[in-house]
Amino acid sequence: MSDTDQSASFVLQTAGFDARFPNQNQTKHCYQNYIDYYKCIAAKGEDFPPCKQFFRAFNSLCPNSWIGQFDEQRENGTFPSSLEP
């Protein structure tokens, strides 16, 4: 398999620029995309394509330990923000 064949089958992507978060610190961008994803799937379902953009963004921006902590807080009902659509 040549190098061009491999690059065509695997595409790296990260969250694009969001004008709401212009600074280098992306903590709020991470958190907001996490919230937006769960609000989106609550309103439209997991298979709704625009929801997947929020998922990719928070998975790209947030450290795995934060995502685990956010998930645990959601499961325990102690997540600090509303996830209702």
Protein backbone atom coordinates (compact mmCIF):
# COMPACT_ATOMS: atom_id res chain seq x y z
CA MET A 1 0.00 0.00 0.00
CA SER A 2 1.50 3.36 -0.97
CA ASP A 3 1.58 6.46 1.23
CA THR A 4 -1.16 8.14 -0.80
CA ASP A 5 -3.47 5.16 -0.30
CA GLN A 6 -2.98 5.32 3.45
CA SER A 7 -3.60 9.07 3.71
CA ALA A 8 -6.81 8.73 1.70
CA SER A 9 -8.24 6.21 4.16
CA PHE A 10 -7.38 8.07 7.36
CA VAL A 11 -8.22 11.74 7.85
CA LEU A 12 -7.21 13.67 10.95
CA GLN A 13 -9.59 16.42 11.99
CA THR A 14 -9.80 18.79 14.91
CA ALA A 15 -12.33 21.37 15.98
CA GLY A 16 -12.41 24.41 13.73
CA PHE A 17 -12.20 28.02 14.82
CA ASP A 18 -15.16 29.25 16.83
CA ALA A 19 -15.43 33.04 17.07
CA ARG A 20 -17.13 32.71 20.47
CA PHE A 21 -13.82 31.43 21.88
CA PRO A 22 -11.03 33.52 20.28
CA ASN A 23 -8.41 33.07 23.00
CA GLN A 24 -5.85 30.32 23.23
CA ASN A 25 -7.47 28.78 26.31
CA GLN A 26 -10.05 26.34 24.92
CA THR A 27 -11.59 25.24 28.24
CA LYS A 28 -14.91 27.01 27.62
CA HIS A 29 -14.96 25.78 24.02
CA CYS A 30 -14.53 22.20 25.28
CA TYR A 31 -17.25 22.55 27.92
CA GLN A 32 -19.73 24.28 25.58
CA ASN A 33 -19.36 21.61 22.89
CA TYR A 34 -19.93 18.89 25.51
CA ILE A 35 -23.15 20.62 26.61
CA ASP A 36 -24.25 21.30 23.03
CA TYR A 37 -23.75 17.64 22.08
CA TYR A 38 -25.94 16.30 24.87
CA LYS A 39 -28.60 18.96 24.26
CA CYS A 40 -28.57 18.09 20.56
CA ILE A 41 -28.97 14.34 21.06
CA ALA A 42 -31.73 14.96 23.61
CA ALA A 43 -33.59 17.06 21.04
CA LYS A 44 -32.78 15.24 17.78
CA GLY A 45 -31.32 11.83 18.63
CA GLU A 46 -27.81 10.38 18.35
CA ASP A 47 -28.06 9.77 14.61
CA PHE A 48 -28.66 13.45 13.75
CA PRO A 49 -25.54 14.41 11.72
CA PRO A 50 -25.04 17.96 13.11
CA CYS A 51 -24.78 16.50 16.64
CA LYS A 52 -21.72 14.56 15.56
CA GLN A 53 -19.82 17.83 14.97
CA PHE A 54 -20.24 18.74 18.66
CA PHE A 55 -19.07 15.24 19.60
CA ARG A 56 -15.95 15.49 17.44
CA ALA A 57 -15.20 18.97 18.78
CA PHE A 58 -15.37 18.11 22.48
CA ASN A 59 -13.46 14.88 21.95
CA SER A 60 -10.75 16.87 20.19
CA LEU A 61 -10.61 19.73 22.72
CA CYS A 62 -11.29 18.13 26.10
CA PRO A 63 -8.80 15.98 28.00
CA ASN A 64 -10.11 12.42 28.43
CA SER A 65 -10.09 12.83 32.21
CA TRP A 66 -12.48 15.77 31.92
CA ILE A 67 -14.83 13.85 29.64
CA GLY A 68 -14.83 10.98 32.15
CA GLN A 69 -15.59 13.40 34.97
CA PHE A 70 -18.37 15.10 32.97
CA ASP A 71 -19.88 11.67 32.14
CA GLU A 72 -19.74 10.63 35.79
CA GLN A 73 -21.42 13.86 36.87
CA ARG A 74 -24.18 13.36 34.29
CA GLU A 75 -24.77 9.80 35.50
CA ASN A 76 -24.91 10.95 39.13
CA GLY A 77 -27.19 13.90 38.34
CA THR A 78 -24.59 16.39 39.59
CA PHE A 79 -23.56 17.93 36.26
CA PRO A 80 -23.48 21.70 36.84
CA SER A 81 -25.35 22.70 33.66
CA SER A 82 -28.73 21.83 32.26
CA LEU A 83 -28.61 19.43 29.33
CA GLU A 84 -32.27 19.87 28.44
CA PRO A 85 -32.83 21.08 24.86
